[in-house]
Amino acid sequence: MIDQARLRVATVGANRETIKRLCDNVSLSGTAIFVDEIREFEKISDFIVRTLPNIVVVGIGDKLSEFDGHIVVRGLRSARSTAAVICVVNDDLVETAPDIYAAGIHNILLVSDIAMEFSRAIGIIGGGGTYISRRIFSLIREPNIRSFYAALNNTPLASVETGSGPLSQREEMVLKLFAFGFTTKEIASELKVSGKTVETYKARASDKLDLKSRVSIVKYGYSSGWFSFLLN
């Protein structure tokens, strides 16, 4: 987890318009400062040492760009930096996002998402989470649990009224992750609780909704719109 009181954002490969959007959004966030962009002919490792970023934003504006997320990740390792990487992809290159994700970079936004989502993204990433735009998420075949969790957290939880009272946020989140096929162990690891606690949340939620099996949980999820963000 990053100390957000000193959250430093730097950029590599982003064009002037994207950098301006980032600067404006970072200023509005109140939790971060924009440090600098990489200089001409500057090595990634030197850039990291000079700017000491917590988050590096990589602009993907051209398939033949000099920089990409993989180069930046190698530079971070060389400089022994633990900074997180966000790839900001031009909208007309959205089809490249699954390849970026498959290569291990799980923080991805479209340029058009910056104004609405960047402040939220840096807050979540600064807290040790993962952030991915919903439009990009829907293109990925096998997202990991962190990306599912991020996408679910980016979708307001419904207030589910039942005969036994509404589901708590944690009960609904656990039930959703079970519906998407994740195991007790995976959910416990992501939520940083014990497997027994996860099973308790699942049992409480299932009892409130009178759901007796995973199939019934999935059916309930479909009827409640839990999977709708996959189609956006």
C-alpha atoms as a PDB file:
ATOM      1  CA  MET A   1       0.000   0.000   0.000  1.00  0.00           C
ATOM      2  CA  ILE A   2       1.292   3.458  -0.953  1.00  0.00           C
ATOM      3  CA  ASP A   3       1.336   6.439   1.409  1.00  0.00           C
ATOM      4  CA  GLN A   4      -1.224   8.531  -0.470  1.00  0.00           C
ATOM      5  CA  ALA A   5      -0.184  11.710   1.319  1.00  0.00           C
ATOM      6  CA  ARG A   6       2.898  11.604  -0.916  1.00  0.00           C
ATOM      7  CA  LEU A   7       1.459   9.954  -4.018  1.00  0.00           C
ATOM      8  CA  ARG A   8       3.644  10.952  -6.974  1.00  0.00           C
ATOM      9  CA  VAL A   9       2.485  10.481 -10.576  1.00  0.00           C
ATOM     10  CA  ALA A  10       4.847  10.588 -13.572  1.00  0.00           C
ATOM     11  CA  THR A  11       4.321   9.813 -17.262  1.00  0.00           C
ATOM     12  CA  VAL A  12       6.094   8.014 -20.074  1.00  0.00           C
ATOM     13  CA  GLY A  13       5.063   8.141 -23.720  1.00  0.00           C
ATOM     14  CA  ALA A  14       1.908  10.220 -23.211  1.00  0.00           C
ATOM     15  CA  ASN A  15       1.081  12.994 -25.685  1.00  0.00           C
ATOM     16  CA  ARG A  16       0.575  16.613 -24.630  1.00  0.00           C
ATOM     17  CA  GLU A  17      -3.221  16.420 -24.553  1.00  0.00           C
ATOM     18  CA  THR A  18      -3.191  13.286 -22.401  1.00  0.00           C
ATOM     19  CA  ILE A  19      -0.630  14.813 -20.016  1.00  0.00           C
ATOM     20  CA  LYS A  20      -2.815  17.912 -19.622  1.00  0.00           C
ATOM     21  CA  ARG A  21      -5.832  15.756 -18.804  1.00  0.00           C
ATOM     22  CA  LEU A  22      -3.783  13.796 -16.293  1.00  0.00           C
ATOM     23  CA  CYS A  23      -2.423  16.941 -14.630  1.00  0.00           C
ATOM     24  CA  ASP A  24      -5.892  18.441 -14.320  1.00  0.00           C
ATOM     25  CA  ASN A  25      -7.309  15.234 -12.892  1.00  0.00           C
ATOM     26  CA  VAL A  26      -4.429  14.681 -10.468  1.00  0.00           C
ATOM     27  CA  SER A  27      -4.834  18.229  -9.170  1.00  0.00           C
ATOM     28  CA  LEU A  28      -8.535  17.652  -8.566  1.00  0.00           C
ATOM     29  CA  SER A  29      -7.928  14.355  -6.786  1.00  0.00           C
ATOM     30  CA  GLY A  30      -6.345  16.010  -3.758  1.00  0.00           C
ATOM     31  CA  THR A  31      -4.398  12.805  -3.053  1.00  0.00           C
ATOM     32  CA  ALA A  32      -1.562  13.087  -5.561  1.00  0.00           C
ATOM     33  CA  ILE A  33       0.811  15.412  -7.378  1.00  0.00           C
ATOM     34  CA  PHE A  34       2.010  15.254 -10.952  1.00  0.00           C
ATOM     35  CA  VAL A  35       5.809  15.088 -10.882  1.00  0.00           C
ATOM     36  CA  ASP A  36       7.100  15.123 -14.471  1.00  0.00           C
ATOM     37  CA  GLU A  37       7.184  13.369 -17.809  1.00  0.00           C
ATOM     38  CA  ILE A  38      10.176  11.534 -19.195  1.00  0.00           C
ATOM     39  CA  ARG A  39      12.701  13.770 -20.953  1.00  0.00           C
ATOM     40  CA  GLU A  40      14.014  13.306 -24.470  1.00  0.00           C
ATOM     41  CA  PHE A  41      16.747  10.635 -24.612  1.00  0.00           C
ATOM     42  CA  GLU A  42      16.346   9.916 -20.879  1.00  0.00           C
ATOM     43  CA  LYS A  43      16.637   6.272 -19.860  1.00  0.00           C
ATOM     44  CA  ILE A  44      13.671   4.772 -18.039  1.00  0.00           C
ATOM     45  CA  SER A  45      15.824   3.805 -15.044  1.00  0.00           C
ATOM     46  CA  ASP A  46      17.237   7.353 -14.809  1.00  0.00           C
ATOM     47  CA  PHE A  47      13.734   8.786 -15.102  1.00  0.00           C
ATOM     48  CA  ILE A  48      12.538   6.622 -12.213  1.00  0.00           C
ATOM     49  CA  VAL A  49      15.450   7.630  -9.987  1.00  0.00           C
ATOM     50  CA  ARG A  50      14.907  11.318 -10.822  1.00  0.00           C
ATOM     51  CA  THR A  51      11.137  11.458 -10.300  1.00  0.00           C
ATOM     52  CA  LEU A  52      10.660   8.764  -7.611  1.00  0.00           C
ATOM     53  CA  PRO A  53       7.086   8.040  -8.732  1.00  0.00           C
ATOM     54  CA  ASN A  54       4.494   5.951  -6.922  1.00  0.00           C
ATOM     55  CA  ILE A  55       2.530   5.562 -10.147  1.00  0.00           C
ATOM     56  CA  VAL A  56       3.870   5.664 -13.712  1.00  0.00           C
ATOM     57  CA  VAL A  57       1.322   6.404 -16.423  1.00  0.00           C
ATOM     58  CA  VAL A  58       2.310   4.898 -19.767  1.00  0.00           C
ATOM     59  CA  GLY A  59       0.669   6.462 -22.815  1.00  0.00           C
ATOM     60  CA  ILE A  60      -0.173   3.917 -25.523  1.00  0.00           C
ATOM     61  CA  GLY A  61      -0.918   6.100 -28.520  1.00  0.00           C
ATOM     62  CA  ASP A  62       0.789   4.168 -31.289  1.00  0.00           C
ATOM     63  CA  LYS A  63       1.322   0.458 -31.883  1.00  0.00           C
ATOM     64  CA  LEU A  64       4.929   1.282 -32.769  1.00  0.00           C
ATOM     65  CA  SER A  65       5.494   3.535 -29.760  1.00  0.00           C
ATOM     66  CA  GLU A  66       9.051   3.800 -28.422  1.00  0.00           C
ATOM     67  CA  PHE A  67       7.690   3.004 -24.961  1.00  0.00           C
ATOM     68  CA  ASP A  68       5.265   0.410 -23.721  1.00  0.00           C
ATOM     69  CA  GLY A  69       4.274  -1.026 -20.370  1.00  0.00           C
ATOM     70  CA  HIS A  70       6.810  -3.847 -20.554  1.00  0.00           C
ATOM     71  CA  ILE A  71       9.746  -1.479 -21.070  1.00  0.00           C
ATOM     72  CA  VAL A  72       8.610   0.625 -18.128  1.00  0.00           C
ATOM     73  CA  VAL A  73       8.202  -2.431 -15.886  1.00  0.00           C
ATOM     74  CA  ARG A  74      11.766  -3.506 -16.729  1.00  0.00           C
ATOM     75  CA  GLY A  75      12.970   0.014 -15.950  1.00  0.00           C
ATOM     76  CA  LEU A  76      11.217  -0.065 -12.593  1.00  0.00           C
ATOM     77  CA  ARG A  77      12.879  -3.338 -11.735  1.00  0.00           C
ATOM     78  CA  SER A  78      16.259  -1.975 -12.787  1.00  0.00           C
ATOM     79  CA  ALA A  79      15.751   1.031 -10.524  1.00  0.00           C
ATOM     80  CA  ARG A  80      14.392  -1.206  -7.738  1.00  0.00           C
ATOM     81  CA  SER A  81      11.170   0.781  -7.710  1.00  0.00           C
ATOM     82  CA  THR A  82       7.843  -0.559  -6.482  1.00  0.00           C
ATOM     83  CA  ALA A  83       5.828   2.005  -8.445  1.00  0.00           C
ATOM     84  CA  ALA A  84       2.583   0.823 -10.015  1.00  0.00           C
ATOM     85  CA  VAL A  85       2.041   1.104 -13.792  1.00  0.00           C
ATOM     86  CA  ILE A  86      -1.128   2.359 -15.476  1.00  0.00           C
ATOM     87  CA  CYS A  87      -1.437   2.051 -19.239  1.00  0.00           C
ATOM     88  CA  VAL A  88      -3.590   4.780 -20.787  1.00  0.00           C
ATOM     89  CA  VAL A  89      -4.601   3.567 -24.238  1.00  0.00           C
ATOM     90  CA  ASN A  90      -5.874   5.668 -27.127  1.00  0.00           C
ATOM     91  CA  ASP A  91      -9.479   4.747 -27.839  1.00  0.00           C
ATOM     92  CA  ASP A  92      -8.688   3.671 -31.388  1.00  0.00           C
ATOM     93  CA  LEU A  93      -6.202   1.121 -29.995  1.00  0.00           C
ATOM     94  CA  VAL A  94      -8.629  -0.458 -27.531  1.00  0.00           C
ATOM     95  CA  GLU A  95      -8.109  -3.851 -29.190  1.00  0.00           C
ATOM     96  CA  THR A  96      -4.530  -3.878 -27.874  1.00  0.00           C
ATOM     97  CA  ALA A  97      -5.700  -3.753 -24.240  1.00  0.00           C
ATOM     98  CA  PRO A  98      -6.154  -7.551 -23.826  1.00  0.00           C
ATOM     99  CA  ASP A  99      -2.523  -8.072 -24.881  1.00  0.00           C
ATOM    100  CA  ILE A 100      -1.373  -5.511 -22.315  1.00  0.00           C
ATOM    101  CA  TYR A 101      -3.432  -7.280 -19.658  1.00  0.00           C
ATOM    102  CA  ALA A 102      -2.162 -10.723 -20.665  1.00  0.00           C
ATOM    103  CA  ALA A 103       1.415  -9.448 -20.314  1.00  0.00           C
ATOM    104  CA  GLY A 104       0.756  -8.746 -16.632  1.00  0.00           C
ATOM    105  CA  ILE A 105      -0.211  -5.049 -16.528  1.00  0.00           C
ATOM    106  CA  HIS A 106      -3.649  -4.954 -14.922  1.00  0.00           C
ATOM    107  CA  ASN A 107      -4.189  -1.205 -14.531  1.00  0.00           C
ATOM    108  CA  ILE A 108      -5.578   0.008 -17.870  1.00  0.00           C
ATOM    109  CA  LEU A 109      -7.650   3.038 -18.865  1.00  0.00           C
ATOM    110  CA  LEU A 110      -8.763   4.520 -22.158  1.00  0.00           C
ATOM    111  CA  VAL A 111      -7.832   8.140 -22.834  1.00  0.00           C
ATOM    112  CA  SER A 112     -11.524   9.029 -22.915  1.00  0.00           C
ATOM    113  CA  ASP A 113     -11.905   7.573 -19.394  1.00  0.00           C
ATOM    114  CA  ILE A 114      -9.369   9.878 -17.744  1.00  0.00           C
ATOM    115  CA  ALA A 115     -11.744  12.700 -16.856  1.00  0.00           C
ATOM    116  CA  MET A 116     -14.251  10.413 -15.124  1.00  0.00           C
ATOM    117  CA  GLU A 117     -12.060   7.643 -13.763  1.00  0.00           C
ATOM    118  CA  PHE A 118      -8.444   8.660 -13.206  1.00  0.00           C
ATOM    119  CA  SER A 119      -8.873  10.122  -9.714  1.00  0.00           C
ATOM    120  CA  ARG A 120     -10.662   6.985  -8.589  1.00  0.00           C
ATOM    121  CA  ALA A 121      -8.067   4.792 -10.282  1.00  0.00           C
ATOM    122  CA  ILE A 122      -5.067   6.346  -8.545  1.00  0.00           C
ATOM    123  CA  GLY A 123      -6.867   6.152  -5.206  1.00  0.00           C
ATOM    124  CA  ILE A 124      -7.534   2.442  -5.611  1.00  0.00           C
ATOM    125  CA  ILE A 125      -4.057   1.686  -6.975  1.00  0.00           C
ATOM    126  CA  GLY A 126      -2.466   3.777  -4.226  1.00  0.00           C
ATOM    127  CA  GLY A 127      -4.323   1.594  -1.732  1.00  0.00           C
ATOM    128  CA  GLY A 128      -2.822  -1.544  -3.237  1.00  0.00           C
ATOM    129  CA  GLY A 129      -5.712  -2.383  -5.565  1.00  0.00           C
ATOM    130  CA  THR A 130      -6.143  -2.806  -9.307  1.00  0.00           C
ATOM    131  CA  TYR A 131      -8.126  -0.600 -11.683  1.00  0.00           C
ATOM    132  CA  ILE A 132      -9.367  -1.322 -15.180  1.00  0.00           C
ATOM    133  CA  SER A 133     -11.912   0.524 -17.301  1.00  0.00           C
ATOM    134  CA  ARG A 134     -15.194  -1.285 -17.762  1.00  0.00           C
ATOM    135  CA  ARG A 135     -14.978  -1.011 -21.555  1.00  0.00           C
ATOM    136  CA  ILE A 136     -11.603  -2.727 -21.490  1.00  0.00           C
ATOM    137  CA  PHE A 137     -12.677  -5.296 -18.915  1.00  0.00           C
ATOM    138  CA  SER A 138     -15.377  -6.586 -21.254  1.00  0.00           C
ATOM    139  CA  LEU A 139     -12.724  -7.450 -23.873  1.00  0.00           C
ATOM    140  CA  ILE A 140     -10.615  -9.648 -21.586  1.00  0.00           C
ATOM    141  CA  ARG A 141     -11.175 -13.388 -21.734  1.00  0.00           C
ATOM    142  CA  GLU A 142      -9.878 -14.501 -18.348  1.00  0.00           C
ATOM    143  CA  PRO A 143      -9.524 -11.572 -15.955  1.00  0.00           C
ATOM    144  CA  ASN A 144      -8.025 -12.383 -12.567  1.00  0.00           C
ATOM    145  CA  ILE A 145      -9.887 -11.900  -9.310  1.00  0.00           C
ATOM    146  CA  ARG A 146      -8.331  -8.483  -8.641  1.00  0.00           C
ATOM    147  CA  SER A 147      -9.721  -7.169 -11.922  1.00  0.00           C
ATOM    148  CA  PHE A 148     -13.133  -8.681 -11.220  1.00  0.00           C
ATOM    149  CA  TYR A 149     -13.085  -7.132  -7.778  1.00  0.00           C
ATOM    150  CA  ALA A 150     -12.106  -3.747  -9.237  1.00  0.00           C
ATOM    151  CA  ALA A 151     -14.858  -3.923 -11.837  1.00  0.00           C
ATOM    152  CA  LEU A 152     -17.417  -4.950  -9.238  1.00  0.00           C
ATOM    153  CA  ASN A 153     -16.316  -2.152  -6.949  1.00  0.00           C
ATOM    154  CA  ASN A 154     -16.727   0.254  -9.858  1.00  0.00           C
ATOM    155  CA  THR A 155     -20.361  -0.862 -10.098  1.00  0.00           C
ATOM    156  CA  PRO A 156     -22.608   0.377  -7.276  1.00  0.00           C
ATOM    157  CA  LEU A 157     -23.784  -2.490  -5.102  1.00  0.00           C
ATOM    158  CA  ALA A 158     -27.539  -2.888  -5.112  1.00  0.00           C
ATOM    159  CA  SER A 159     -29.461  -2.697  -1.876  1.00  0.00           C
ATOM    160  CA  VAL A 160     -30.907  -6.193  -1.750  1.00  0.00           C
ATOM    161  CA  GLU A 161     -33.961  -6.379   0.468  1.00  0.00           C
ATOM    162  CA  THR A 162     -34.829  -9.881   1.695  1.00  0.00           C
ATOM    163  CA  GLY A 163     -37.061 -11.419   4.304  1.00  0.00           C
ATOM    164  CA  SER A 164     -34.073 -11.595   6.658  1.00  0.00           C
ATOM    165  CA  GLY A 165     -32.923  -8.043   5.955  1.00  0.00           C
ATOM    166  CA  PRO A 166     -30.642  -6.538   3.275  1.00  0.00           C
ATOM    167  CA  LEU A 167     -27.324  -8.099   2.358  1.00  0.00           C
ATOM    168  CA  SER A 168     -24.305  -6.300   3.690  1.00  0.00           C
ATOM    169  CA  GLN A 169     -21.826  -5.005   1.107  1.00  0.00           C
ATOM    170  CA  ARG A 170     -19.350  -7.725   2.053  1.00  0.00           C
ATOM    171  CA  GLU A 171     -22.006 -10.473   1.826  1.00  0.00           C
ATOM    172  CA  GLU A 172     -23.044  -9.314  -1.627  1.00  0.00           C
ATOM    173  CA  MET A 173     -19.450  -9.000  -2.828  1.00  0.00           C
ATOM    174  CA  VAL A 174     -18.607 -12.528  -1.670  1.00  0.00           C
ATOM    175  CA  LEU A 175     -21.729 -13.903  -3.325  1.00  0.00           C
ATOM    176  CA  LYS A 176     -20.871 -12.093  -6.553  1.00  0.00           C
ATOM    177  CA  LEU A 177     -17.337 -13.489  -6.608  1.00  0.00           C
ATOM    178  CA  PHE A 178     -18.699 -16.989  -6.013  1.00  0.00           C
ATOM    179  CA  ALA A 179     -21.104 -16.453  -8.901  1.00  0.00           C
ATOM    180  CA  PHE A 180     -18.155 -15.558 -11.139  1.00  0.00           C
ATOM    181  CA  GLY A 181     -16.506 -18.847 -10.200  1.00  0.00           C
ATOM    182  CA  PHE A 182     -13.800 -17.848  -7.730  1.00  0.00           C
ATOM    183  CA  THR A 183     -12.884 -20.180  -4.882  1.00  0.00           C
ATOM    184  CA  THR A 184     -13.078 -19.556  -1.153  1.00  0.00           C
ATOM    185  CA  LYS A 185      -9.279 -19.386  -1.024  1.00  0.00           C
ATOM    186  CA  GLU A 186      -9.076 -16.815  -3.845  1.00  0.00           C
ATOM    187  CA  ILE A 187     -11.781 -14.629  -2.332  1.00  0.00           C
ATOM    188  CA  ALA A 188     -10.256 -14.823   1.138  1.00  0.00           C
ATOM    189  CA  SER A 189      -6.869 -13.788  -0.235  1.00  0.00           C
ATOM    190  CA  GLU A 190      -8.341 -10.817  -2.103  1.00  0.00           C
ATOM    191  CA  LEU A 191     -10.495  -9.607   0.780  1.00  0.00           C
ATOM    192  CA  LYS A 192      -7.717 -10.322   3.307  1.00  0.00           C
ATOM    193  CA  VAL A 193      -9.928 -12.439   5.556  1.00  0.00           C
ATOM    194  CA  SER A 194      -9.947 -16.128   6.485  1.00  0.00           C
ATOM    195  CA  GLY A 195     -11.621 -18.802   4.406  1.00  0.00           C
ATOM    196  CA  LYS A 196     -13.973 -19.433   7.319  1.00  0.00           C
ATOM    197  CA  THR A 197     -15.047 -15.788   7.243  1.00  0.00           C
ATOM    198  CA  VAL A 198     -15.727 -15.993   3.510  1.00  0.00           C
ATOM    199  CA  GLU A 199     -17.856 -19.107   4.027  1.00  0.00           C
ATOM    200  CA  THR A 200     -19.766 -17.294   6.764  1.00  0.00           C
ATOM    201  CA  TYR A 201     -20.540 -14.363   4.453  1.00  0.00           C
ATOM    202  CA  LYS A 202     -21.605 -16.763   1.718  1.00  0.00           C
ATOM    203  CA  ALA A 203     -23.838 -18.766   4.082  1.00  0.00           C
ATOM    204  CA  ARG A 204     -25.508 -15.652   5.498  1.00  0.00           C
ATOM    205  CA  ALA A 205     -26.183 -14.219   2.038  1.00  0.00           C
ATOM    206  CA  SER A 206     -27.439 -17.549   0.683  1.00  0.00           C
ATOM    207  CA  ASP A 207     -29.765 -18.012   3.643  1.00  0.00           C
ATOM    208  CA  LYS A 208     -31.200 -14.512   3.261  1.00  0.00           C
ATOM    209  CA  LEU A 209     -31.878 -15.122  -0.436  1.00  0.00           C
ATOM    210  CA  ASP A 210     -32.840 -18.805  -0.035  1.00  0.00           C
ATOM    211  CA  LEU A 211     -30.142 -19.903  -2.500  1.00  0.00           C
ATOM    212  CA  LYS A 212     -29.180 -23.554  -2.084  1.00  0.00           C
ATOM    213  CA  SER A 213     -26.422 -24.052  -4.685  1.00  0.00           C
ATOM    214  CA  ARG A 214     -23.899 -22.231  -6.855  1.00  0.00           C
ATOM    215  CA  VAL A 215     -26.257 -22.680  -9.822  1.00  0.00           C
ATOM    216  CA  SER A 216     -28.999 -20.880  -7.923  1.00  0.00           C
ATOM    217  CA  ILE A 217     -26.506 -18.133  -6.982  1.00  0.00           C
ATOM    218  CA  VAL A 218     -25.530 -17.688 -10.651  1.00  0.00           C
ATOM    219  CA  LYS A 219     -29.182 -17.593 -11.744  1.00  0.00           C
ATOM    220  CA  TYR A 220     -29.928 -15.011  -9.084  1.00  0.00           C
ATOM    221  CA  GLY A 221     -26.896 -12.999 -10.230  1.00  0.00           C
ATOM    222  CA  TYR A 222     -28.111 -12.951 -13.834  1.00  0.00           C
ATOM    223  CA  SER A 223     -31.604 -11.868 -12.817  1.00  0.00           C
ATOM    224  CA  SER A 224     -30.116  -9.140 -10.590  1.00  0.00           C
ATOM    225  CA  GLY A 225     -27.852  -7.718 -13.301  1.00  0.00           C
ATOM    226  CA  TRP A 226     -24.557  -8.711 -11.661  1.00  0.00           C
ATOM    227  CA  PHE A 227     -23.082  -9.676 -15.023  1.00  0.00           C
ATOM    228  CA  SER A 228     -24.263  -6.612 -16.940  1.00  0.00           C
ATOM    229  CA  PHE A 229     -20.917  -4.786 -16.761  1.00  0.00           C
ATOM    230  CA  LEU A 230     -19.369  -7.583 -18.841  1.00  0.00           C
ATOM    231  CA  LEU A 231     -21.585  -6.528 -21.734  1.00  0.00           C
ATOM    232  CA  ASN A 232     -20.850  -2.774 -21.647  1.00  0.00           C
END
